[in-house]
Amino acid sequence: LNQLIRAPFSKAKIDNVLKDLKADALRLESIRNSAHVELQAESRGRVEEIEISMAKERVEAVIERKAQEEERKLNALRWKEQIEHHKRIKDQLNTVLKEQQSAKAVERCTVMLDC
């Protein structure tokens, strides 16, 4: 443009300036397209990162749920073992009590027979 202002308006100069402007426009278009492609790639990368993050969260949730289920099963098994242990102790105590009652009954009979 400075060339146009300083020099007389010749057709050749105007054509050269227009050619330069068209070349600049093409370079700018190319830069814009490259930037657009880069932004799309960046966006796809971000979307993939988000999808991966969400997938990780879903997997972690499944793992946590499975861990809780296993913990509940383990706790139920512990309770069952404790209940069985207490039943064995109760049975043993009942056996001892019956033995003691039998021993007292035998002792009473012996006392009665001695009299």
PDB file of N, CA and C in Angstrom:
ATOM      1  N   LEU A   1       0.829  -1.193   0.000  1.00  0.00           N
ATOM      2  CA  LEU A   1       0.000   0.000   0.000  1.00  0.00           C
ATOM      3  C   LEU A   1       0.871   1.254   0.000  1.00  0.00           C
ATOM      4  N   ASN A   2       1.976   1.194   0.741  1.00  0.00           N
ATOM      5  CA  ASN A   2       2.886   2.347   0.735  1.00  0.00           C
ATOM      6  C   ASN A   2       3.414   2.609  -0.669  1.00  0.00           C
ATOM      7  N   GLN A   3       3.629   1.511  -1.413  1.00  0.00           N
ATOM      8  CA  GLN A   3       4.099   1.669  -2.784  1.00  0.00           C
ATOM      9  C   GLN A   3       3.069   2.414  -3.622  1.00  0.00           C
ATOM     10  N   LEU A   4       1.816   2.094  -3.415  1.00  0.00           N
ATOM     11  CA  LEU A   4       0.754   2.749  -4.185  1.00  0.00           C
ATOM     12  C   LEU A   4       0.656   4.234  -3.864  1.00  0.00           C
ATOM     13  N   ILE A   5       0.853   4.574  -2.623  1.00  0.00           N
ATOM     14  CA  ILE A   5       0.725   5.972  -2.202  1.00  0.00           C
ATOM     15  C   ILE A   5       1.886   6.806  -2.745  1.00  0.00           C
ATOM     16  N   ARG A   6       3.112   6.305  -2.719  1.00  0.00           N
ATOM     17  CA  ARG A   6       4.299   7.069  -3.125  1.00  0.00           C
ATOM     18  C   ARG A   6       4.487   7.123  -4.647  1.00  0.00           C
ATOM     19  N   ALA A   7       4.132   6.056  -5.292  1.00  0.00           N
ATOM     20  CA  ALA A   7       4.423   5.986  -6.729  1.00  0.00           C
ATOM     21  C   ALA A   7       3.177   6.283  -7.548  1.00  0.00           C
ATOM     22  N   PRO A   8       3.400   6.597  -8.791  1.00  0.00           N
ATOM     23  CA  PRO A   8       2.225   6.758  -9.643  1.00  0.00           C
ATOM     24  C   PRO A   8       1.538   5.416  -9.814  1.00  0.00           C
ATOM     25  N   PHE A   9       0.258   5.447 -10.046  1.00  0.00           N
ATOM     26  CA  PHE A   9      -0.546   4.231 -10.137  1.00  0.00           C
ATOM     27  C   PHE A   9      -0.351   3.538 -11.478  1.00  0.00           C
ATOM     28  N   SER A  10       0.638   2.664 -11.516  1.00  0.00           N
ATOM     29  CA  SER A  10       0.817   1.905 -12.754  1.00  0.00           C
ATOM     30  C   SER A  10       0.125   0.565 -12.592  1.00  0.00           C
ATOM     31  N   LYS A  11      -0.328   0.006 -13.693  1.00  0.00           N
ATOM     32  CA  LYS A  11      -1.042  -1.276 -13.677  1.00  0.00           C
ATOM     33  C   LYS A  11      -0.155  -2.373 -13.120  1.00  0.00           C
ATOM     34  N   ALA A  12       1.117  -2.385 -13.437  1.00  0.00           N
ATOM     35  CA  ALA A  12       2.049  -3.419 -12.982  1.00  0.00           C
ATOM     36  C   ALA A  12       2.211  -3.368 -11.472  1.00  0.00           C
ATOM     37  N   LYS A  13       2.342  -2.149 -10.938  1.00  0.00           N
ATOM     38  CA  LYS A  13       2.499  -2.036  -9.488  1.00  0.00           C
ATOM     39  C   LYS A  13       1.238  -2.490  -8.762  1.00  0.00           C
ATOM     40  N   ILE A  14       0.094  -2.101  -9.292  1.00  0.00           N
ATOM     41  CA  ILE A  14      -1.176  -2.503  -8.674  1.00  0.00           C
ATOM     42  C   ILE A  14      -1.317  -4.021  -8.722  1.00  0.00           C
ATOM     43  N   ASP A  15      -0.931  -4.623  -9.858  1.00  0.00           N
ATOM     44  CA  ASP A  15      -0.997  -6.081  -9.992  1.00  0.00           C
ATOM     45  C   ASP A  15      -0.053  -6.765  -8.998  1.00  0.00           C
ATOM     46  N   ASN A  16       1.135  -6.206  -8.819  1.00  0.00           N
ATOM     47  CA  ASN A  16       2.100  -6.777  -7.852  1.00  0.00           C
ATOM     48  C   ASN A  16       1.561  -6.703  -6.424  1.00  0.00           C
ATOM     49  N   VAL A  17       0.979  -5.572  -6.077  1.00  0.00           N
ATOM     50  CA  VAL A  17       0.420  -5.401  -4.727  1.00  0.00           C
ATOM     51  C   VAL A  17      -0.733  -6.380  -4.531  1.00  0.00           C
ATOM     52  N   LEU A  18      -1.599  -6.534  -5.538  1.00  0.00           N
ATOM     53  CA  LEU A  18      -2.716  -7.474  -5.437  1.00  0.00           C
ATOM     54  C   LEU A  18      -2.207  -8.915  -5.308  1.00  0.00           C
ATOM     55  N   LYS A  19      -1.160  -9.231  -6.078  1.00  0.00           N
ATOM     56  CA  LYS A  19      -0.575 -10.564  -6.007  1.00  0.00           C
ATOM     57  C   LYS A  19      -0.019 -10.817  -4.599  1.00  0.00           C
ATOM     58  N   ASP A  20       0.666  -9.827  -4.029  1.00  0.00           N
ATOM     59  CA  ASP A  20       1.200  -9.952  -2.660  1.00  0.00           C
ATOM     60  C   ASP A  20       0.069 -10.116  -1.648  1.00  0.00           C
ATOM     61  N   LEU A  21      -1.006  -9.349  -1.841  1.00  0.00           N
ATOM     62  CA  LEU A  21      -2.148  -9.445  -0.921  1.00  0.00           C
ATOM     63  C   LEU A  21      -2.801 -10.824  -1.003  1.00  0.00           C
ATOM     64  N   LYS A  22      -2.923 -11.361  -2.228  1.00  0.00           N
ATOM     65  CA  LYS A  22      -3.503 -12.693  -2.399  1.00  0.00           C
ATOM     66  C   LYS A  22      -2.613 -13.746  -1.747  1.00  0.00           C
ATOM     67  N   ALA A  23      -1.308 -13.601  -1.904  1.00  0.00           N
ATOM     68  CA  ALA A  23      -0.369 -14.549  -1.286  1.00  0.00           C
ATOM     69  C   ALA A  23      -0.470 -14.473   0.239  1.00  0.00           C
ATOM     70  N   ASP A  24      -0.571 -13.247   0.753  1.00  0.00           N
ATOM     71  CA  ASP A  24      -0.738 -13.073   2.207  1.00  0.00           C
ATOM     72  C   ASP A  24      -2.043 -13.708   2.675  1.00  0.00           C
ATOM     73  N   ALA A  25      -3.101 -13.515   1.876  1.00  0.00           N
ATOM     74  CA  ALA A  25      -4.400 -14.091   2.229  1.00  0.00           C
ATOM     75  C   ALA A  25      -4.319 -15.619   2.251  1.00  0.00           C
ATOM     76  N   LEU A  26      -3.620 -16.198   1.272  1.00  0.00           N
ATOM     77  CA  LEU A  26      -3.448 -17.659   1.234  1.00  0.00           C
ATOM     78  C   LEU A  26      -2.642 -18.159   2.438  1.00  0.00           C
ATOM     79  N   ARG A  27      -1.586 -17.439   2.781  1.00  0.00           N
ATOM     80  CA  ARG A  27      -0.786 -17.813   3.966  1.00  0.00           C
ATOM     81  C   ARG A  27      -1.627 -17.740   5.238  1.00  0.00           C
ATOM     82  N   LEU A  28      -2.422 -16.670   5.352  1.00  0.00           N
ATOM     83  CA  LEU A  28      -3.286 -16.528   6.529  1.00  0.00           C
ATOM     84  C   LEU A  28      -4.337 -17.645   6.576  1.00  0.00           C
ATOM     85  N   GLU A  29      -4.895 -17.987   5.421  1.00  0.00           N
ATOM     86  CA  GLU A  29      -5.868 -19.072   5.346  1.00  0.00           C
ATOM     87  C   GLU A  29      -5.217 -20.392   5.761  1.00  0.00           C
ATOM     88  N   SER A  30      -3.997 -20.603   5.284  1.00  0.00           N
ATOM     89  CA  SER A  30      -3.264 -21.829   5.635  1.00  0.00           C
ATOM     90  C   SER A  30      -2.990 -21.881   7.141  1.00  0.00           C
ATOM     91  N   ILE A  31      -2.594 -20.751   7.698  1.00  0.00           N
ATOM     92  CA  ILE A  31      -2.339 -20.675   9.146  1.00  0.00           C
ATOM     93  C   ILE A  31      -3.623 -20.936   9.918  1.00  0.00           C
ATOM     94  N   ARG A  32      -4.731 -20.341   9.448  1.00  0.00           N
ATOM     95  CA  ARG A  32      -6.016 -20.543  10.111  1.00  0.00           C
ATOM     96  C   ARG A  32      -6.431 -22.014  10.057  1.00  0.00           C
ATOM     97  N   ASN A  33      -6.261 -22.638   8.893  1.00  0.00           N
ATOM     98  CA  ASN A  33      -6.601 -24.052   8.759  1.00  0.00           C
ATOM     99  C   ASN A  33      -5.740 -24.923   9.673  1.00  0.00           C
ATOM    100  N   SER A  34      -4.452 -24.621   9.739  1.00  0.00           N
ATOM    101  CA  SER A  34      -3.553 -25.376  10.623  1.00  0.00           C
ATOM    102  C   SER A  34      -3.976 -25.226  12.079  1.00  0.00           C
ATOM    103  N   ALA A  35      -4.298 -23.998  12.456  1.00  0.00           N
ATOM    104  CA  ALA A  35      -4.736 -23.748  13.825  1.00  0.00           C
ATOM    105  C   ALA A  35      -6.030 -24.491  14.109  1.00  0.00           C
ATOM    106  N   HIS A  36      -6.918 -24.514  13.125  1.00  0.00           N
ATOM    107  CA  HIS A  36      -8.194 -25.223  13.289  1.00  0.00           C
ATOM    108  C   HIS A  36      -7.948 -26.718  13.475  1.00  0.00           C
ATOM    109  N   VAL A  37      -7.065 -27.275  12.659  1.00  0.00           N
ATOM    110  CA  VAL A  37      -6.728 -28.704  12.776  1.00  0.00           C
ATOM    111  C   VAL A  37      -6.102 -28.983  14.138  1.00  0.00           C
ATOM    112  N   GLU A  38      -5.197 -28.115  14.579  1.00  0.00           N
ATOM    113  CA  GLU A  38      -4.567 -28.295  15.891  1.00  0.00           C
ATOM    114  C   GLU A  38      -5.603 -28.234  17.009  1.00  0.00           C
ATOM    115  N   LEU A  39      -6.533 -27.284  16.907  1.00  0.00           N
ATOM    116  CA  LEU A  39      -7.582 -27.169  17.921  1.00  0.00           C
ATOM    117  C   LEU A  39      -8.470 -28.405  17.939  1.00  0.00           C
ATOM    118  N   GLN A  40      -8.802 -28.921  16.749  1.00  0.00           N
ATOM    119  CA  GLN A  40      -9.607 -30.135  16.695  1.00  0.00           C
ATOM    120  C   GLN A  40      -8.867 -31.304  17.339  1.00  0.00           C
ATOM    121  N   ALA A  41      -7.577 -31.428  17.015  1.00  0.00           N
ATOM    122  CA  ALA A  41      -6.780 -32.511  17.601  1.00  0.00           C
ATOM    123  C   ALA A  41      -6.707 -32.344  19.115  1.00  0.00           C
ATOM    124  N   GLU A  42      -6.504 -31.116  19.553  1.00  0.00           N
ATOM    125  CA  GLU A  42      -6.438 -30.836  20.986  1.00  0.00           C
ATOM    126  C   GLU A  42      -7.764 -31.172  21.655  1.00  0.00           C
ATOM    127  N   SER A  43      -8.869 -30.794  20.990  1.00  0.00           N
ATOM    128  CA  SER A  43     -10.203 -31.091  21.530  1.00  0.00           C
ATOM    129  C   SER A  43     -10.423 -32.598  21.612  1.00  0.00           C
ATOM    130  N   ARG A  44     -10.033 -33.316  20.545  1.00  0.00           N
ATOM    131  CA  ARG A  44     -10.166 -34.775  20.574  1.00  0.00           C
ATOM    132  C   ARG A  44      -9.331 -35.360  21.717  1.00  0.00           C
ATOM    133  N   GLY A  45      -8.140 -34.804  21.889  1.00  0.00           N
ATOM    134  CA  GLY A  45      -7.285 -35.272  22.986  1.00  0.00           C
ATOM    135  C   GLY A  45      -7.939 -35.040  24.333  1.00  0.00           C
ATOM    136  N   ARG A  46      -8.533 -33.884  24.503  1.00  0.00           N
ATOM    137  CA  ARG A  46      -9.209 -33.579  25.772  1.00  0.00           C
ATOM    138  C   ARG A  46     -10.410 -34.497  25.978  1.00  0.00           C
ATOM    139  N   VAL A  47     -11.177 -34.710  24.889  1.00  0.00           N
ATOM    140  CA  VAL A  47     -12.337 -35.603  24.985  1.00  0.00           C
ATOM    141  C   VAL A  47     -11.874 -36.999  25.371  1.00  0.00           C
ATOM    142  N   GLU A  48     -10.794 -37.464  24.736  1.00  0.00           N
ATOM    143  CA  GLU A  48     -10.265 -38.791  25.070  1.00  0.00           C
ATOM    144  C   GLU A  48      -9.810 -38.847  26.527  1.00  0.00           C
ATOM    145  N   GLU A  49      -9.151 -37.783  26.992  1.00  0.00           N
ATOM    146  CA  GLU A  49      -8.725 -37.739  28.393  1.00  0.00           C
ATOM    147  C   GLU A  49      -9.927 -37.823  29.323  1.00  0.00           C
ATOM    148  N   ILE A  50     -10.979 -37.081  28.984  1.00  0.00           N
ATOM    149  CA  ILE A  50     -12.192 -37.097  29.813  1.00  0.00           C
ATOM    150  C   ILE A  50     -12.826 -38.482  29.786  1.00  0.00           C
ATOM    151  N   GLU A  51     -12.902 -39.084  28.582  1.00  0.00           N
ATOM    152  CA  GLU A  51     -13.482 -40.422  28.482  1.00  0.00           C
ATOM    153  C   GLU A  51     -12.664 -41.432  29.275  1.00  0.00           C
ATOM    154  N   ILE A  52     -11.348 -41.329  29.199  1.00  0.00           N
ATOM    155  CA  ILE A  52     -10.478 -42.235  29.963  1.00  0.00           C
ATOM    156  C   ILE A  52     -10.681 -42.019  31.452  1.00  0.00           C
ATOM    157  N   SER A  53     -10.760 -40.763  31.854  1.00  0.00           N
ATOM    158  CA  SER A  53     -10.971 -40.449  33.275  1.00  0.00           C
ATOM    159  C   SER A  53     -12.301 -41.016  33.763  1.00  0.00           C
ATOM    160  N   MET A  54     -13.346 -40.864  32.947  1.00  0.00           N
ATOM    161  CA  MET A  54     -14.656 -41.378  33.338  1.00  0.00           C
ATOM    162  C   MET A  54     -14.636 -42.905  33.396  1.00  0.00           C
ATOM    163  N   ALA A  55     -13.950 -43.524  32.456  1.00  0.00           N
ATOM    164  CA  ALA A  55     -13.841 -44.990  32.461  1.00  0.00           C
ATOM    165  C   ALA A  55     -13.097 -45.452  33.710  1.00  0.00           C
ATOM    166  N   LYS A  56     -12.028 -44.749  34.075  1.00  0.00           N
ATOM    167  CA  LYS A  56     -11.285 -45.088  35.290  1.00  0.00           C
ATOM    168  C   LYS A  56     -12.185 -44.982  36.515  1.00  0.00           C
ATOM    169  N   GLU A  57     -12.983 -43.916  36.565  1.00  0.00           N
ATOM    170  CA  GLU A  57     -13.893 -43.730  37.696  1.00  0.00           C
ATOM    171  C   GLU A  57     -14.905 -44.864  37.776  1.00  0.00           C
ATOM    172  N   ARG A  58     -15.426 -45.288  36.596  1.00  0.00           N
ATOM    173  CA  ARG A  58     -16.386 -46.399  36.592  1.00  0.00           C
ATOM    174  C   ARG A  58     -15.719 -47.689  37.070  1.00  0.00           C
ATOM    175  N   VAL A  59     -14.496 -47.933  36.614  1.00  0.00           N
ATOM    176  CA  VAL A  59     -13.776 -49.138  37.034  1.00  0.00           C
ATOM    177  C   VAL A  59     -13.501 -49.085  38.533  1.00  0.00           C
ATOM    178  N   GLU A  60     -13.079 -47.929  39.024  1.00  0.00           N
ATOM    179  CA  GLU A  60     -12.817 -47.782  40.456  1.00  0.00           C
ATOM    180  C   GLU A  60     -14.091 -48.002  41.262  1.00  0.00           C
ATOM    181  N   ALA A  61     -15.224 -47.528  40.756  1.00  0.00           N
ATOM    182  CA  ALA A  61     -16.497 -47.729  41.457  1.00  0.00           C
ATOM    183  C   ALA A  61     -16.854 -49.214  41.501  1.00  0.00           C
ATOM    184  N   VAL A  62     -16.634 -49.919  40.398  1.00  0.00           N
ATOM    185  CA  VAL A  62     -16.917 -51.358  40.366  1.00  0.00           C
ATOM    186  C   VAL A  62     -16.001 -52.086  41.344  1.00  0.00           C
ATOM    187  N   ILE A  63     -14.725 -51.719  41.347  1.00  0.00           N
ATOM    188  CA  ILE A  63     -13.768 -52.351  42.266  1.00  0.00           C
ATOM    189  C   ILE A  63     -14.177 -52.096  43.711  1.00  0.00           C
ATOM    190  N   GLU A  64     -14.564 -50.862  44.012  1.00  0.00           N
ATOM    191  CA  GLU A  64     -14.987 -50.518  45.377  1.00  0.00           C
ATOM    192  C   GLU A  64     -16.224 -51.321  45.778  1.00  0.00           C
ATOM    193  N   ARG A  65     -17.182 -51.431  44.850  1.00  0.00           N
ATOM    194  CA  ARG A  65     -18.409 -52.187  45.129  1.00  0.00           C
ATOM    195  C   ARG A  65     -18.077 -53.658  45.383  1.00  0.00           C
ATOM    196  N   LYS A  66     -17.191 -54.214  44.559  1.00  0.00           N
ATOM    197  CA  LYS A  66     -16.792 -55.618  44.731  1.00  0.00           C
ATOM    198  C   LYS A  66     -16.068 -55.806  46.066  1.00  0.00           C
ATOM    199  N   ALA A  67     -15.218 -54.856  46.417  1.00  0.00           N
ATOM    200  CA  ALA A  67     -14.496 -54.934  47.687  1.00  0.00           C
ATOM    201  C   ALA A  67     -15.471 -54.899  48.862  1.00  0.00           C
ATOM    202  N   GLN A  68     -16.496 -54.043  48.767  1.00  0.00           N
ATOM    203  CA  GLN A  68     -17.498 -53.970  49.830  1.00  0.00           C
ATOM    204  C   GLN A  68     -18.285 -55.271  49.924  1.00  0.00           C
ATOM    205  N   GLU A  69     -18.616 -55.850  48.765  1.00  0.00           N
ATOM    206  CA  GLU A  69     -19.336 -57.130  48.771  1.00  0.00           C
ATOM    207  C   GLU A  69     -18.489 -58.215  49.431  1.00  0.00           C
ATOM    208  N   GLU A  70     -17.201 -58.255  49.086  1.00  0.00           N
ATOM    209  CA  GLU A  70     -16.311 -59.254  49.668  1.00  0.00           C
ATOM    210  C   GLU A  70     -16.164 -59.039  51.176  1.00  0.00           C
ATOM    211  N   GLU A  71     -16.104 -57.779  51.580  1.00  0.00           N
ATOM    212  CA  GLU A  71     -16.000 -57.470  53.008  1.00  0.00           C
ATOM    213  C   GLU A  71     -17.260 -57.921  53.743  1.00  0.00           C
ATOM    214  N   ARG A  72     -18.431 -57.690  53.134  1.00  0.00           N
ATOM    215  CA  ARG A  72     -19.692 -58.141  53.751  1.00  0.00           C
ATOM    216  C   ARG A  72     -19.707 -59.671  53.869  1.00  0.00           C
ATOM    217  N   LYS A  73     -19.254 -60.349  52.816  1.00  0.00           N
ATOM    218  CA  LYS A  73     -19.213 -61.811  52.861  1.00  0.00           C
ATOM    219  C   LYS A  73     -18.272 -62.291  53.958  1.00  0.00           C
ATOM    220  N   LEU A  74     -17.119 -61.638  54.056  1.00  0.00           N
ATOM    221  CA  LEU A  74     -16.145 -62.008  55.082  1.00  0.00           C
ATOM    222  C   LEU A  74     -16.704 -61.766  56.476  1.00  0.00           C
ATOM    223  N   ASN A  75     -17.386 -60.630  56.663  1.00  0.00           N
ATOM    224  CA  ASN A  75     -17.994 -60.338  57.965  1.00  0.00           C
ATOM    225  C   ASN A  75     -19.081 -61.363  58.296  1.00  0.00           C
ATOM    226  N   ALA A  76     -19.881 -61.737  57.296  1.00  0.00           N
ATOM    227  CA  ALA A  76     -20.926 -62.742  57.515  1.00  0.00           C
ATOM    228  C   ALA A  76     -20.295 -64.075  57.910  1.00  0.00           C
ATOM    229  N   LEU A  77     -19.201 -64.421  57.261  1.00  0.00           N
ATOM    230  CA  LEU A  77     -18.505 -65.665  57.591  1.00  0.00           C
ATOM    231  C   LEU A  77     -17.951 -65.610  59.014  1.00  0.00           C
ATOM    232  N   ARG A  78     -17.393 -64.474  59.395  1.00  0.00           N
ATOM    233  CA  ARG A  78     -16.875 -64.321  60.771  1.00  0.00           C
ATOM    234  C   ARG A  78     -17.993 -64.479  61.794  1.00  0.00           C
ATOM    235  N   TRP A  79     -19.155 -63.830  61.507  1.00  0.00           N
ATOM    236  CA  TRP A  79     -20.287 -63.955  62.424  1.00  0.00           C
ATOM    237  C   TRP A  79     -20.743 -65.407  62.523  1.00  0.00           C
ATOM    238  N   LYS A  80     -20.795 -66.080  61.398  1.00  0.00           N
ATOM    239  CA  LYS A  80     -21.213 -67.479  61.380  1.00  0.00           C
ATOM    240  C   LYS A  80     -20.251 -68.327  62.206  1.00  0.00           C
ATOM    241  N   GLU A  81     -18.947 -68.078  62.037  1.00  0.00           N
ATOM    242  CA  GLU A  81     -17.956 -68.823  62.821  1.00  0.00           C
ATOM    243  C   GLU A  81     -18.101 -68.534  64.315  1.00  0.00           C
ATOM    244  N   GLN A  82     -18.368 -67.272  64.658  1.00  0.00           N
ATOM    245  CA  GLN A  82     -18.548 -66.921  66.075  1.00  0.00           C
ATOM    246  C   GLN A  82     -19.787 -67.607  66.639  1.00  0.00           C
ATOM    247  N   ILE A  83     -20.865 -67.609  65.875  1.00  0.00           N
ATOM    248  CA  ILE A  83     -22.098 -68.249  66.336  1.00  0.00           C
ATOM    249  C   ILE A  83     -21.862 -69.737  66.546  1.00  0.00           C
ATOM    250  N   GLU A  84     -21.174 -70.382  65.600  1.00  0.00           N
ATOM    251  CA  GLU A  84     -20.878 -71.804  65.740  1.00  0.00           C
ATOM    252  C   GLU A  84     -19.992 -72.061  66.958  1.00  0.00           C
ATOM    253  N   HIS A  85     -19.015 -71.175  67.176  1.00  0.00           N
ATOM    254  CA  HIS A  85     -18.128 -71.307  68.340  1.00  0.00           C
ATOM    255  C   HIS A  85     -18.941 -71.203  69.635  1.00  0.00           C
ATOM    256  N   HIS A  86     -19.843 -70.226  69.690  1.00  0.00           N
ATOM    257  CA  HIS A  86     -20.672 -70.052  70.885  1.00  0.00           C
ATOM    258  C   HIS A  86     -21.615 -71.245  71.087  1.00  0.00           C
ATOM    259  N   LYS A  87     -22.102 -71.824  70.001  1.00  0.00           N
ATOM    260  CA  LYS A  87     -22.959 -73.007  70.117  1.00  0.00           C
ATOM    261  C   LYS A  87     -22.153 -74.177  70.694  1.00  0.00           C
ATOM    262  N   ARG A  88     -20.898 -74.336  70.233  1.00  0.00           N
ATOM    263  CA  ARG A  88     -20.050 -75.418  70.767  1.00  0.00           C
ATOM    264  C   ARG A  88     -19.801 -75.220  72.261  1.00  0.00           C
ATOM    265  N   ILE A  89     -19.528 -73.954  72.647  1.00  0.00           N
ATOM    266  CA  ILE A  89     -19.309 -73.666  74.068  1.00  0.00           C
ATOM    267  C   ILE A  89     -20.580 -73.973  74.856  1.00  0.00           C
ATOM    268  N   LYS A  90     -21.732 -73.568  74.326  1.00  0.00           N
ATOM    269  CA  LYS A  90     -23.009 -73.823  74.999  1.00  0.00           C
ATOM    270  C   LYS A  90     -23.238 -75.329  75.153  1.00  0.00           C
ATOM    271  N   ASP A  91     -22.975 -76.080  74.072  1.00  0.00           N
ATOM    272  CA  ASP A  91     -23.136 -77.533  74.132  1.00  0.00           C
ATOM    273  C   ASP A  91     -22.204 -78.142  75.180  1.00  0.00           C
ATOM    274  N   GLN A  92     -20.963 -77.647  75.219  1.00  0.00           N
ATOM    275  CA  GLN A  92     -20.013 -78.150  76.222  1.00  0.00           C
ATOM    276  C   GLN A  92     -20.492 -77.837  77.636  1.00  0.00           C
ATOM    277  N   LEU A  93     -20.991 -76.609  77.826  1.00  0.00           N
ATOM    278  CA  LEU A  93     -21.489 -76.229  79.147  1.00  0.00           C
ATOM    279  C   LEU A  93     -22.707 -77.072  79.529  1.00  0.00           C
ATOM    280  N   ASN A  94     -23.596 -77.318  78.566  1.00  0.00           N
ATOM    281  CA  ASN A  94     -24.757 -78.168  78.839  1.00  0.00           C
ATOM    282  C   ASN A  94     -24.317 -79.585  79.209  1.00  0.00           C
ATOM    283  N   THR A  95     -23.301 -80.083  78.515  1.00  0.00           N
ATOM    284  CA  THR A  95     -22.785 -81.423  78.818  1.00  0.00           C
ATOM    285  C   THR A  95     -22.214 -81.462  80.238  1.00  0.00           C
ATOM    286  N   VAL A  96     -21.439 -80.441  80.585  1.00  0.00           N
ATOM    287  CA  VAL A  96     -20.865 -80.373  81.935  1.00  0.00           C
ATOM    288  C   VAL A  96     -21.977 -80.279  82.965  1.00  0.00           C
ATOM    289  N   LEU A  97     -22.991 -79.455  82.686  1.00  0.00           N
ATOM    290  CA  LEU A  97     -24.114 -79.301  83.612  1.00  0.00           C
ATOM    291  C   LEU A  97     -24.846 -80.625  83.800  1.00  0.00           C
ATOM    292  N   LYS A  98     -25.099 -81.347  82.706  1.00  0.00           N
ATOM    293  CA  LYS A  98     -25.766 -82.646  82.811  1.00  0.00           C
ATOM    294  C   LYS A  98     -24.917 -83.633  83.610  1.00  0.00           C
ATOM    295  N   GLU A  99     -23.605 -83.576  83.374  1.00  0.00           N
ATOM    296  CA  GLU A  99     -22.713 -84.468  84.132  1.00  0.00           C
ATOM    297  C   GLU A  99     -22.757 -84.138  85.615  1.00  0.00           C
ATOM    298  N   GLN A 100     -22.771 -82.824  85.904  1.00  0.00           N
ATOM    299  CA  GLN A 100     -22.845 -82.425  87.313  1.00  0.00           C
ATOM    300  C   GLN A 100     -24.170 -82.858  87.926  1.00  0.00           C
ATOM    301  N   GLN A 101     -25.264 -82.662  87.167  1.00  0.00           N
ATOM    302  CA  GLN A 101     -26.576 -83.065  87.684  1.00  0.00           C
ATOM    303  C   GLN A 101     -26.619 -84.583  87.882  1.00  0.00           C
ATOM    304  N   SER A 102     -26.041 -85.325  86.968  1.00  0.00           N
ATOM    305  CA  SER A 102     -25.999 -86.789  87.113  1.00  0.00           C
ATOM    306  C   SER A 102     -25.161 -87.172  88.322  1.00  0.00           C
ATOM    307  N   ALA A 103     -24.044 -86.477  88.504  1.00  0.00           N
ATOM    308  CA  ALA A 103     -23.186 -86.776  89.638  1.00  0.00           C
ATOM    309  C   ALA A 103     -23.919 -86.483  90.944  1.00  0.00           C
ATOM    310  N   LYS A 104     -24.686 -85.381  91.004  1.00  0.00           N
ATOM    311  CA  LYS A 104     -25.440 -85.058  92.215  1.00  0.00           C
ATOM    312  C   LYS A 104     -26.530 -86.094  92.449  1.00  0.00           C
ATOM    313  N   ALA A 105     -27.167 -86.507  91.345  1.00  0.00           N
ATOM    314  CA  ALA A 105     -28.223 -87.520  91.480  1.00  0.00           C
ATOM    315  C   ALA A 105     -27.631 -88.829  91.998  1.00  0.00           C
ATOM    316  N   VAL A 106     -26.478 -89.212  91.481  1.00  0.00           N
ATOM    317  CA  VAL A 106     -25.818 -90.443  91.957  1.00  0.00           C
ATOM    318  C   VAL A 106     -25.441 -90.264  93.418  1.00  0.00           C
ATOM    319  N   GLU A 107     -24.964 -89.083  93.766  1.00  0.00           N
ATOM    320  CA  GLU A 107     -24.567 -88.836  95.150  1.00  0.00           C
ATOM    321  C   GLU A 107     -25.763 -88.931  96.073  1.00  0.00           C
ATOM    322  N   ARG A 108     -26.911 -88.401  95.643  1.00  0.00           N
ATOM    323  CA  ARG A 108     -28.123 -88.472  96.463  1.00  0.00           C
ATOM    324  C   ARG A 108     -28.584 -89.940  96.660  1.00  0.00           C
ATOM    325  N   CYS A 109     -28.490 -90.654  95.529  1.00  0.00           N
ATOM    326  CA  CYS A 109     -28.883 -92.054  95.609  1.00  0.00           C
ATOM    327  C   CYS A 109     -27.940 -92.806  96.570  1.00  0.00           C
ATOM    328  N   THR A 110     -26.676 -92.499  96.460  1.00  0.00           N
ATOM    329  CA  THR A 110     -25.701 -93.155  97.333  1.00  0.00           C
ATOM    330  C   THR A 110     -25.981 -92.815  98.785  1.00  0.00           C
ATOM    331  N   VAL A 111     -26.309 -91.554  99.042  1.00  0.00           N
ATOM    332  CA  VAL A 111     -26.617 -91.117 100.402  1.00  0.00           C
ATOM    333  C   VAL A 111     -27.862 -91.836 100.886  1.00  0.00           C
ATOM    334  N   MET A 112     -28.868 -91.963 100.005  1.00  0.00           N
ATOM    335  CA  MET A 112     -30.095 -92.636 100.404  1.00  0.00           C
ATOM    336  C   MET A 112     -29.856 -94.125 100.673  1.00  0.00           C
ATOM    337  N   LEU A 113     -29.010 -94.688  99.845  1.00  0.00           N
ATOM    338  CA  LEU A 113     -28.730 -96.121 100.035  1.00  0.00           C
ATOM    339  C   LEU A 113     -27.923 -96.352 101.301  1.00  0.00           C
ATOM    340  N   ASP A 114     -27.065 -95.421 101.645  1.00  0.00           N
ATOM    341  CA  ASP A 114     -26.254 -95.549 102.838  1.00  0.00           C
ATOM    342  C   ASP A 114     -27.111 -95.454 104.106  1.00  0.00           C
ATOM    343  N   CYS A 115     -28.188 -94.748 104.003  1.00  0.00           N
ATOM    344  CA  CYS A 115     -29.041 -94.561 105.163  1.00  0.00           C
ATOM    345  C   CYS A 115     -29.814 -95.802 105.361  1.00  0.00           C
TER     346      CYS A 115
END
